[in-house]
PDB file of N, CA and C in Angstrom:
ATOM      1  N   TRP A   1     -29.571 135.227 -57.380  1.00  0.00           N
ATOM      2  CA  TRP A   1     -30.514 134.844 -56.340  1.00  0.00           C
ATOM      3  C   TRP A   1     -29.961 133.703 -55.483  1.00  0.00           C
ATOM      4  N   GLU A   2     -29.212 132.803 -56.120  1.00  0.00           N
ATOM      5  CA  GLU A   2     -28.649 131.687 -55.372  1.00  0.00           C
ATOM      6  C   GLU A   2     -27.640 132.178 -54.334  1.00  0.00           C
ATOM      7  N   LYS A   3     -26.833 133.146 -54.728  1.00  0.00           N
ATOM      8  CA  LYS A   3     -25.837 133.723 -53.810  1.00  0.00           C
ATOM      9  C   LYS A   3     -26.545 134.400 -52.631  1.00  0.00           C
ATOM     10  N   ALA A   4     -27.616 135.129 -52.916  1.00  0.00           N
ATOM     11  CA  ALA A   4     -28.362 135.810 -51.856  1.00  0.00           C
ATOM     12  C   ALA A   4     -28.934 134.807 -50.859  1.00  0.00           C
ATOM     13  N   LEU A   5     -29.489 133.717 -51.354  1.00  0.00           N
ATOM     14  CA  LEU A   5     -30.044 132.698 -50.455  1.00  0.00           C
ATOM     15  C   LEU A   5     -28.934 132.018 -49.664  1.00  0.00           C
ATOM     16  N   GLY A   6     -27.788 131.830 -50.305  1.00  0.00           N
ATOM     17  CA  GLY A   6     -26.641 131.251 -49.615  1.00  0.00           C
ATOM     18  C   GLY A   6     -26.154 132.141 -48.483  1.00  0.00           C
ATOM     19  N   LEU A   7     -26.098 133.443 -48.742  1.00  0.00           N
ATOM     20  CA  LEU A   7     -25.671 134.381 -47.706  1.00  0.00           C
ATOM     21  C   LEU A   7     -26.664 134.416 -46.544  1.00  0.00           C
ATOM     22  N   LEU A   8     -27.938 134.347 -46.869  1.00  0.00           N
ATOM     23  CA  LEU A   8     -28.974 134.320 -45.834  1.00  0.00           C
ATOM     24  C   LEU A   8     -28.799 133.088 -44.945  1.00  0.00           C
ATOM     25  N   GLU A   9     -28.533 131.965 -45.565  1.00  0.00           N
ATOM     26  CA  GLU A   9     -28.321 130.720 -44.826  1.00  0.00           C
ATOM     27  C   GLU A   9     -27.060 130.809 -43.959  1.00  0.00           C
ATOM     28  N   THR A  10     -25.996 131.370 -44.516  1.00  0.00           N
ATOM     29  CA  THR A  10     -24.745 131.530 -43.774  1.00  0.00           C
ATOM     30  C   THR A  10     -24.942 132.414 -42.547  1.00  0.00           C
ATOM     31  N   MET A  11     -25.709 133.487 -42.720  1.00  0.00           N
ATOM     32  CA  MET A  11     -26.006 134.366 -41.586  1.00  0.00           C
ATOM     33  C   MET A  11     -26.639 133.578 -40.444  1.00  0.00           C
ATOM     34  N   GLU A  12     -27.643 132.789 -40.800  1.00  0.00           N
ATOM     35  CA  GLU A  12     -28.376 132.029 -39.792  1.00  0.00           C
ATOM     36  C   GLU A  12     -27.470 130.996 -39.116  1.00  0.00           C
ATOM     37  N   GLU A  13     -26.595 130.356 -39.909  1.00  0.00           N
ATOM     38  CA  GLU A  13     -25.676 129.373 -39.353  1.00  0.00           C
ATOM     39  C   GLU A  13     -24.726 130.009 -38.346  1.00  0.00           C
ATOM     40  N   ARG A  14     -24.399 131.279 -38.563  1.00  0.00           N
ATOM     41  CA  ARG A  14     -23.456 131.981 -37.689  1.00  0.00           C
ATOM     42  C   ARG A  14     -24.154 132.741 -36.565  1.00  0.00           C
ATOM     43  N   GLY A  15     -25.448 132.529 -36.450  1.00  0.00           N
ATOM     44  CA  GLY A  15     -26.186 133.126 -35.353  1.00  0.00           C
ATOM     45  C   GLY A  15     -26.615 134.565 -35.566  1.00  0.00           C
ATOM     46  N   VAL A  16     -26.531 135.033 -36.802  1.00  0.00           N
ATOM     47  CA  VAL A  16     -26.974 136.394 -37.110  1.00  0.00           C
ATOM     48  C   VAL A  16     -28.419 136.309 -37.574  1.00  0.00           C
ATOM     49  N   LYS A  17     -29.303 136.984 -36.864  1.00  0.00           N
ATOM     50  CA  LYS A  17     -30.730 136.921 -37.195  1.00  0.00           C
ATOM     51  C   LYS A  17     -31.036 137.884 -38.347  1.00  0.00           C
ATOM     52  N   PRO A  18     -31.537 137.350 -39.459  1.00  0.00           N
ATOM     53  CA  PRO A  18     -31.913 138.224 -40.578  1.00  0.00           C
ATOM     54  C   PRO A  18     -33.047 139.171 -40.177  1.00  0.00           C
ATOM     55  N   ASN A  19     -33.025 140.371 -40.710  1.00  0.00           N
ATOM     56  CA  ASN A  19     -34.075 141.352 -40.445  1.00  0.00           C
ATOM     57  C   ASN A  19     -34.848 141.656 -41.724  1.00  0.00           C
ATOM     58  N   THR A  20     -35.716 142.615 -41.660  1.00  0.00           N
ATOM     59  CA  THR A  20     -36.547 142.956 -42.817  1.00  0.00           C
ATOM     60  C   THR A  20     -35.680 143.333 -44.023  1.00  0.00           C
ATOM     61  N   ILE A  21     -34.654 144.122 -43.796  1.00  0.00           N
ATOM     62  CA  ILE A  21     -33.793 144.564 -44.901  1.00  0.00           C
ATOM     63  C   ILE A  21     -33.099 143.369 -45.554  1.00  0.00           C
ATOM     64  N   THR A  22     -32.624 142.442 -44.745  1.00  0.00           N
ATOM     65  CA  THR A  22     -31.960 141.246 -45.267  1.00  0.00           C
ATOM     66  C   THR A  22     -32.913 140.426 -46.131  1.00  0.00           C
ATOM     67  N   TYR A  23     -34.114 140.202 -45.597  1.00  0.00           N
ATOM     68  CA  TYR A  23     -35.109 139.443 -46.368  1.00  0.00           C
ATOM     69  C   TYR A  23     -35.514 140.202 -47.630  1.00  0.00           C
ATOM     70  N   ASN A  24     -35.647 141.509 -47.537  1.00  0.00           N
ATOM     71  CA  ASN A  24     -36.003 142.294 -48.724  1.00  0.00           C
ATOM     72  C   ASN A  24     -34.981 142.092 -49.832  1.00  0.00           C
ATOM     73  N   ALA A  25     -33.702 142.113 -49.466  1.00  0.00           N
ATOM     74  CA  ALA A  25     -32.638 141.926 -50.459  1.00  0.00           C
ATOM     75  C   ALA A  25     -32.728 140.544 -51.098  1.00  0.00           C
ATOM     76  N   ALA A  26     -32.980 139.525 -50.282  1.00  0.00           N
ATOM     77  CA  ALA A  26     -33.073 138.157 -50.806  1.00  0.00           C
ATOM     78  C   ALA A  26     -34.310 137.986 -51.688  1.00  0.00           C
ATOM     79  N   ILE A  27     -35.435 138.535 -51.265  1.00  0.00           N
ATOM     80  CA  ILE A  27     -36.664 138.447 -52.075  1.00  0.00           C
ATOM     81  C   ILE A  27     -36.480 139.198 -53.385  1.00  0.00           C
ATOM     82  N   SER A  28     -35.838 140.349 -53.327  1.00  0.00           N
ATOM     83  CA  SER A  28     -35.570 141.127 -54.537  1.00  0.00           C
ATOM     84  C   SER A  28     -34.650 140.364 -55.491  1.00  0.00           C
ATOM     85  N   ALA A  29     -33.654 139.679 -54.943  1.00  0.00           N
ATOM     86  CA  ALA A  29     -32.752 138.876 -55.779  1.00  0.00           C
ATOM     87  C   ALA A  29     -33.531 137.750 -56.467  1.00  0.00           C
ATOM     88  N   CYS A  30     -34.439 137.122 -55.740  1.00  0.00           N
ATOM     89  CA  CYS A  30     -35.277 136.068 -56.331  1.00  0.00           C
ATOM     90  C   CYS A  30     -36.172 136.655 -57.418  1.00  0.00           C
ATOM     91  N   GLU A  31     -36.707 137.826 -57.161  1.00  0.00           N
ATOM     92  CA  GLU A  31     -37.558 138.499 -58.159  1.00  0.00           C
ATOM     93  C   GLU A  31     -36.766 138.743 -59.438  1.00  0.00           C
ATOM     94  N   LYS A  32     -35.551 139.251 -59.300  1.00  0.00           N
ATOM     95  CA  LYS A  32     -34.726 139.542 -60.474  1.00  0.00           C
ATOM     96  C   LYS A  32     -34.299 138.270 -61.204  1.00  0.00           C
ATOM     97  N   GLY A  33     -34.209 137.166 -60.452  1.00  0.00           N
ATOM     98  CA  GLY A  33     -33.829 135.888 -61.044  1.00  0.00           C
ATOM     99  C   GLY A  33     -35.000 135.066 -61.538  1.00  0.00           C
ATOM    100  N   GLY A  34     -36.205 135.631 -61.477  1.00  0.00           N
ATOM    101  CA  GLY A  34     -37.388 134.922 -61.973  1.00  0.00           C
ATOM    102  C   GLY A  34     -37.834 133.779 -61.074  1.00  0.00           C
ATOM    103  N   GLN A  35     -37.495 133.851 -59.805  1.00  0.00           N
ATOM    104  CA  GLN A  35     -37.809 132.778 -58.858  1.00  0.00           C
ATOM    105  C   GLN A  35     -38.961 133.178 -57.934  1.00  0.00           C
ATOM    106  N   TRP A  36     -40.155 133.299 -58.500  1.00  0.00           N
ATOM    107  CA  TRP A  36     -41.294 133.781 -57.726  1.00  0.00           C
ATOM    108  C   TRP A  36     -41.638 132.848 -56.566  1.00  0.00           C
ATOM    109  N   GLU A  37     -41.497 131.539 -56.764  1.00  0.00           N
ATOM    110  CA  GLU A  37     -41.829 130.595 -55.700  1.00  0.00           C
ATOM    111  C   GLU A  37     -40.881 130.747 -54.509  1.00  0.00           C
ATOM    112  N   LYS A  38     -39.607 130.940 -54.808  1.00  0.00           N
ATOM    113  CA  LYS A  38     -38.628 131.144 -53.736  1.00  0.00           C
ATOM    114  C   LYS A  38     -38.902 132.459 -53.012  1.00  0.00           C
ATOM    115  N   ALA A  39     -39.273 133.490 -53.773  1.00  0.00           N
ATOM    116  CA  ALA A  39     -39.590 134.793 -53.172  1.00  0.00           C
ATOM    117  C   ALA A  39     -40.751 134.643 -52.190  1.00  0.00           C
ATOM    118  N   LEU A  40     -41.784 133.934 -52.589  1.00  0.00           N
ATOM    119  CA  LEU A  40     -42.939 133.732 -51.702  1.00  0.00           C
ATOM    120  C   LEU A  40     -42.567 132.861 -50.500  1.00  0.00           C
ATOM    121  N   GLY A  41     -41.674 131.919 -50.719  1.00  0.00           N
ATOM    122  CA  GLY A  41     -41.198 131.085 -49.617  1.00  0.00           C
ATOM    123  C   GLY A  41     -40.455 131.909 -48.574  1.00  0.00           C
ATOM    124  N   LEU A  42     -39.647 132.853 -49.041  1.00  0.00           N
ATOM    125  CA  LEU A  42     -38.929 133.731 -48.122  1.00  0.00           C
ATOM    126  C   LEU A  42     -39.888 134.633 -47.353  1.00  0.00           C
ATOM    127  N   LEU A  43     -40.905 135.133 -48.038  1.00  0.00           N
ATOM    128  CA  LEU A  43     -41.910 135.965 -47.378  1.00  0.00           C
ATOM    129  C   LEU A  43     -42.591 135.175 -46.263  1.00  0.00           C
ATOM    130  N   GLU A  44     -42.930 133.944 -46.544  1.00  0.00           N
ATOM    131  CA  GLU A  44     -43.564 133.082 -45.542  1.00  0.00           C
ATOM    132  C   GLU A  44     -42.611 132.812 -44.377  1.00  0.00           C
ATOM    133  N   THR A  45     -41.355 132.518 -44.698  1.00  0.00           N
ATOM    134  CA  THR A  45     -40.358 132.245 -43.664  1.00  0.00           C
ATOM    135  C   THR A  45     -40.161 133.437 -42.749  1.00  0.00           C
ATOM    136  N   MET A  46     -40.067 134.620 -43.340  1.00  0.00           N
ATOM    137  CA  MET A  46     -39.825 135.790 -42.499  1.00  0.00           C
ATOM    138  C   MET A  46     -41.002 136.030 -41.555  1.00  0.00           C
ATOM    139  N   GLU A  47     -42.216 135.802 -42.030  1.00  0.00           N
ATOM    140  CA  GLU A  47     -43.389 135.979 -41.178  1.00  0.00           C
ATOM    141  C   GLU A  47     -43.416 134.936 -40.063  1.00  0.00           C
ATOM    142  N   GLU A  48     -43.040 133.693 -40.384  1.00  0.00           N
ATOM    143  CA  GLU A  48     -42.995 132.629 -39.383  1.00  0.00           C
ATOM    144  C   GLU A  48     -41.990 132.947 -38.284  1.00  0.00           C
ATOM    145  N   ARG A  49     -40.920 133.656 -38.651  1.00  0.00           N
ATOM    146  CA  ARG A  49     -39.862 133.983 -37.693  1.00  0.00           C
ATOM    147  C   ARG A  49     -40.086 135.320 -36.996  1.00  0.00           C
ATOM    148  N   GLY A  50     -41.240 135.912 -37.240  1.00  0.00           N
ATOM    149  CA  GLY A  50     -41.578 137.149 -36.545  1.00  0.00           C
ATOM    150  C   GLY A  50     -40.930 138.396 -37.110  1.00  0.00           C
ATOM    151  N   VAL A  51     -40.439 138.305 -38.338  1.00  0.00           N
ATOM    152  CA  VAL A  51     -39.858 139.477 -38.995  1.00  0.00           C
ATOM    153  C   VAL A  51     -40.964 140.120 -39.826  1.00  0.00           C
ATOM    154  N   LYS A  52     -41.254 141.389 -39.553  1.00  0.00           N
ATOM    155  CA  LYS A  52     -42.381 142.062 -40.212  1.00  0.00           C
ATOM    156  C   LYS A  52     -42.023 142.529 -41.614  1.00  0.00           C
ATOM    157  N   PRO A  53     -42.801 142.084 -42.603  1.00  0.00           N
ATOM    158  CA  PRO A  53     -42.596 142.584 -43.956  1.00  0.00           C
ATOM    159  C   PRO A  53     -43.077 144.032 -44.064  1.00  0.00           C
ATOM    160  N   ASN A  54     -42.443 144.795 -44.937  1.00  0.00           N
ATOM    161  CA  ASN A  54     -42.856 146.175 -45.161  1.00  0.00           C
ATOM    162  C   ASN A  54     -43.260 146.360 -46.625  1.00  0.00           C
ATOM    163  N   THR A  55     -43.493 147.575 -47.016  1.00  0.00           N
ATOM    164  CA  THR A  55     -43.920 147.858 -48.393  1.00  0.00           C
ATOM    165  C   THR A  55     -42.907 147.339 -49.400  1.00  0.00           C
ATOM    166  N   ILE A  56     -41.627 147.519 -49.109  1.00  0.00           N
ATOM    167  CA  ILE A  56     -40.576 147.058 -50.030  1.00  0.00           C
ATOM    168  C   ILE A  56     -40.624 145.543 -50.174  1.00  0.00           C
ATOM    169  N   THR A  57     -40.863 144.846 -49.086  1.00  0.00           N
ATOM    170  CA  THR A  57     -40.966 143.382 -49.112  1.00  0.00           C
ATOM    171  C   THR A  57     -42.075 142.947 -50.061  1.00  0.00           C
ATOM    172  N   TYR A  58     -43.251 143.518 -49.850  1.00  0.00           N
ATOM    173  CA  TYR A  58     -44.388 143.146 -50.685  1.00  0.00           C
ATOM    174  C   TYR A  58     -44.187 143.574 -52.138  1.00  0.00           C
ATOM    175  N   ASN A  59     -43.581 144.724 -52.361  1.00  0.00           N
ATOM    176  CA  ASN A  59     -43.327 145.161 -53.731  1.00  0.00           C
ATOM    177  C   ASN A  59     -42.470 144.142 -54.477  1.00  0.00           C
ATOM    178  N   ALA A  60     -41.419 143.670 -53.828  1.00  0.00           N
ATOM    179  CA  ALA A  60     -40.529 142.690 -54.460  1.00  0.00           C
ATOM    180  C   ALA A  60     -41.257 141.374 -54.710  1.00  0.00           C
ATOM    181  N   ALA A  61     -42.060 140.933 -53.738  1.00  0.00           N
ATOM    182  CA  ALA A  61     -42.791 139.672 -53.898  1.00  0.00           C
ATOM    183  C   ALA A  61     -43.856 139.784 -54.985  1.00  0.00           C
ATOM    184  N   ILE A  62     -44.558 140.912 -55.015  1.00  0.00           N
ATOM    185  CA  ILE A  62     -45.575 141.133 -56.058  1.00  0.00           C
ATOM    186  C   ILE A  62     -44.920 141.176 -57.430  1.00  0.00           C
ATOM    187  N   SER A  63     -43.796 141.859 -57.534  1.00  0.00           N
ATOM    188  CA  SER A  63     -43.077 141.946 -58.803  1.00  0.00           C
ATOM    189  C   SER A  63     -42.582 140.566 -59.240  1.00  0.00           C
ATOM    190  N   ALA A  64     -42.124 139.752 -58.283  1.00  0.00           N
ATOM    191  CA  ALA A  64     -41.679 138.392 -58.604  1.00  0.00           C
ATOM    192  C   ALA A  64     -42.835 137.580 -59.191  1.00  0.00           C
ATOM    193  N   CYS A  65     -44.016 137.719 -58.601  1.00  0.00           N
ATOM    194  CA  CYS A  65     -45.194 137.008 -59.110  1.00  0.00           C
ATOM    195  C   CYS A  65     -45.561 137.498 -60.504  1.00  0.00           C
ATOM    196  N   GLU A  66     -45.495 138.797 -60.693  1.00  0.00           N
ATOM    197  CA  GLU A  66     -45.817 139.375 -62.007  1.00  0.00           C
ATOM    198  C   GLU A  66     -44.869 138.827 -63.067  1.00  0.00           C
ATOM    199  N   LYS A  67     -43.588 138.809 -62.761  1.00  0.00           N
ATOM    200  CA  LYS A  67     -42.600 138.315 -63.734  1.00  0.00           C
ATOM    201  C   LYS A  67     -42.774 136.840 -64.021  1.00  0.00           C
ATOM    202  N   GLY A  68     -43.336 136.116 -63.054  1.00  0.00           N
ATOM    203  CA  GLY A  68     -43.585 134.690 -63.242  1.00  0.00           C
ATOM    204  C   GLY A  68     -44.959 134.388 -63.807  1.00  0.00           C
ATOM    205  N   GLY A  69     -45.699 135.428 -64.205  1.00  0.00           N
ATOM    206  CA  GLY A  69     -47.028 135.226 -64.776  1.00  0.00           C
ATOM    207  C   GLY A  69     -48.070 134.808 -63.745  1.00  0.00           C
ATOM    208  N   GLN A  70     -47.802 135.093 -62.488  1.00  0.00           N
ATOM    209  CA  GLN A  70     -48.685 134.678 -61.397  1.00  0.00           C
ATOM    210  C   GLN A  70     -49.511 135.873 -60.904  1.00  0.00           C
ATOM    211  N   TRP A  71     -50.306 136.442 -61.789  1.00  0.00           N
ATOM    212  CA  TRP A  71     -51.032 137.664 -61.456  1.00  0.00           C
ATOM    213  C   TRP A  71     -52.034 137.469 -60.314  1.00  0.00           C
ATOM    214  N   GLU A  72     -52.619 136.273 -60.228  1.00  0.00           N
ATOM    215  CA  GLU A  72     -53.571 136.023 -59.142  1.00  0.00           C
ATOM    216  C   GLU A  72     -52.870 136.046 -57.778  1.00  0.00           C
ATOM    217  N   LYS A  73     -51.679 135.480 -57.731  1.00  0.00           N
ATOM    218  CA  LYS A  73     -50.905 135.504 -56.487  1.00  0.00           C
ATOM    219  C   LYS A  73     -50.496 136.940 -56.160  1.00  0.00           C
ATOM    220  N   ALA A  74     -50.145 137.702 -57.181  1.00  0.00           N
ATOM    221  CA  ALA A  74     -49.779 139.108 -56.975  1.00  0.00           C
ATOM    222  C   ALA A  74     -50.950 139.883 -56.373  1.00  0.00           C
ATOM    223  N   LEU A  75     -52.131 139.672 -56.903  1.00  0.00           N
ATOM    224  CA  LEU A  75     -53.317 140.346 -56.354  1.00  0.00           C
ATOM    225  C   LEU A  75     -53.605 139.887 -54.926  1.00  0.00           C
ATOM    226  N   GLY A  76     -53.368 138.614 -54.668  1.00  0.00           N
ATOM    227  CA  GLY A  76     -53.549 138.089 -53.317  1.00  0.00           C
ATOM    228  C   GLY A  76     -52.587 138.743 -52.330  1.00  0.00           C
ATOM    229  N   LEU A  77     -51.352 138.964 -52.771  1.00  0.00           N
ATOM    230  CA  LEU A  77     -50.371 139.640 -51.916  1.00  0.00           C
ATOM    231  C   LEU A  77     -50.781 141.080 -51.644  1.00  0.00           C
ATOM    232  N   LEU A  78     -51.321 141.738 -52.650  1.00  0.00           N
ATOM    233  CA  LEU A  78     -51.790 143.113 -52.477  1.00  0.00           C
ATOM    234  C   LEU A  78     -52.901 143.149 -51.410  1.00  0.00           C
ATOM    235  N   GLU A  79     -53.791 142.199 -51.485  1.00  0.00           N
ATOM    236  CA  GLU A  79     -54.883 142.121 -50.503  1.00  0.00           C
ATOM    237  C   GLU A  79     -54.340 141.834 -49.102  1.00  0.00           C
ATOM    238  N   THR A  80     -53.415 140.879 -49.004  1.00  0.00           N
ATOM    239  CA  THR A  80     -52.801 140.534 -47.719  1.00  0.00           C
ATOM    240  C   THR A  80     -52.078 141.734 -47.125  1.00  0.00           C
ATOM    241  N   MET A  81     -51.370 142.424 -47.984  1.00  0.00           N
ATOM    242  CA  MET A  81     -50.623 143.610 -47.576  1.00  0.00           C
ATOM    243  C   MET A  81     -51.546 144.627 -46.916  1.00  0.00           C
ATOM    244  N   GLU A  82     -52.649 144.904 -47.571  1.00  0.00           N
ATOM    245  CA  GLU A  82     -53.599 145.887 -47.052  1.00  0.00           C
ATOM    246  C   GLU A  82     -54.254 145.397 -45.763  1.00  0.00           C
ATOM    247  N   GLU A  83     -54.553 144.088 -45.681  1.00  0.00           N
ATOM    248  CA  GLU A  83     -55.157 143.515 -44.473  1.00  0.00           C
ATOM    249  C   GLU A  83     -54.230 143.653 -43.267  1.00  0.00           C
ATOM    250  N   ARG A  84     -52.929 143.592 -43.523  1.00  0.00           N
ATOM    251  CA  ARG A  84     -51.945 143.657 -42.436  1.00  0.00           C
ATOM    252  C   ARG A  84     -51.494 145.080 -42.125  1.00  0.00           C
ATOM    253  N   GLY A  85     -52.123 146.041 -42.774  1.00  0.00           N
ATOM    254  CA  GLY A  85     -51.818 147.432 -42.483  1.00  0.00           C
ATOM    255  C   GLY A  85     -50.552 147.965 -43.116  1.00  0.00           C
ATOM    256  N   VAL A  86     -50.042 147.250 -44.124  1.00  0.00           N
ATOM    257  CA  VAL A  86     -48.868 147.731 -44.857  1.00  0.00           C
ATOM    258  C   VAL A  86     -49.382 148.529 -46.046  1.00  0.00           C
ATOM    259  N   LYS A  87     -49.007 149.791 -46.110  1.00  0.00           N
ATOM    260  CA  LYS A  87     -49.550 150.673 -47.134  1.00  0.00           C
ATOM    261  C   LYS A  87     -48.873 150.481 -48.487  1.00  0.00           C
ATOM    262  N   PRO A  88     -49.668 150.193 -49.523  1.00  0.00           N
ATOM    263  CA  PRO A  88     -49.117 150.125 -50.876  1.00  0.00           C
ATOM    264  C   PRO A  88     -48.684 151.524 -51.335  1.00  0.00           C
ATOM    265  N   ASN A  89     -47.738 151.557 -52.268  1.00  0.00           N
ATOM    266  CA  ASN A  89     -47.326 152.832 -52.843  1.00  0.00           C
ATOM    267  C   ASN A  89     -47.370 152.734 -54.368  1.00  0.00           C
ATOM    268  N   THR A  90     -46.882 153.737 -55.029  1.00  0.00           N
ATOM    269  CA  THR A  90     -46.910 153.772 -56.497  1.00  0.00           C
ATOM    270  C   THR A  90     -46.198 152.570 -57.095  1.00  0.00           C
ATOM    271  N   ILE A  91     -45.091 152.172 -56.496  1.00  0.00           N
ATOM    272  CA  ILE A  91     -44.332 151.017 -56.996  1.00  0.00           C
ATOM    273  C   ILE A  91     -45.175 149.759 -56.877  1.00  0.00           C
ATOM    274  N   THR A  92     -45.920 149.626 -55.805  1.00  0.00           N
ATOM    275  CA  THR A  92     -46.776 148.451 -55.597  1.00  0.00           C
ATOM    276  C   THR A  92     -47.768 148.311 -56.749  1.00  0.00           C
ATOM    277  N   TYR A  93     -48.420 149.403 -57.079  1.00  0.00           N
ATOM    278  CA  TYR A  93     -49.440 149.356 -58.120  1.00  0.00           C
ATOM    279  C   TYR A  93     -48.860 149.226 -59.517  1.00  0.00           C
ATOM    280  N   ASN A  94     -47.607 149.593 -59.701  1.00  0.00           N
ATOM    281  CA  ASN A  94     -46.957 149.464 -61.003  1.00  0.00           C
ATOM    282  C   ASN A  94     -46.289 148.112 -61.191  1.00  0.00           C
ATOM    283  N   ALA A  95     -46.144 147.348 -60.109  1.00  0.00           N
ATOM    284  CA  ALA A  95     -45.527 146.026 -60.221  1.00  0.00           C
ATOM    285  C   ALA A  95     -46.475 145.129 -60.961  1.00  0.00           C
TER     286      ALA A  95
END
């Protein structure tokens, strides 16, 4: 996860604007590394920068919360996802 965040930072330093796929990879890396807070921070950052999260984004963030024992935050993300018109899928409900 640290390498993924480093690469994201390097991209920005070099003027390459991260997109949804880039953020998804970084959030997924945080999820796999047990870094739910960092995953949620990335989700917030991408939204602040006008990058639209998709189902994969939310799935990774929800899974990160689940792995961190943050079930209330996971449910909150599910609600936010639906409010923003991002459709949950089977993976979302299994996270």
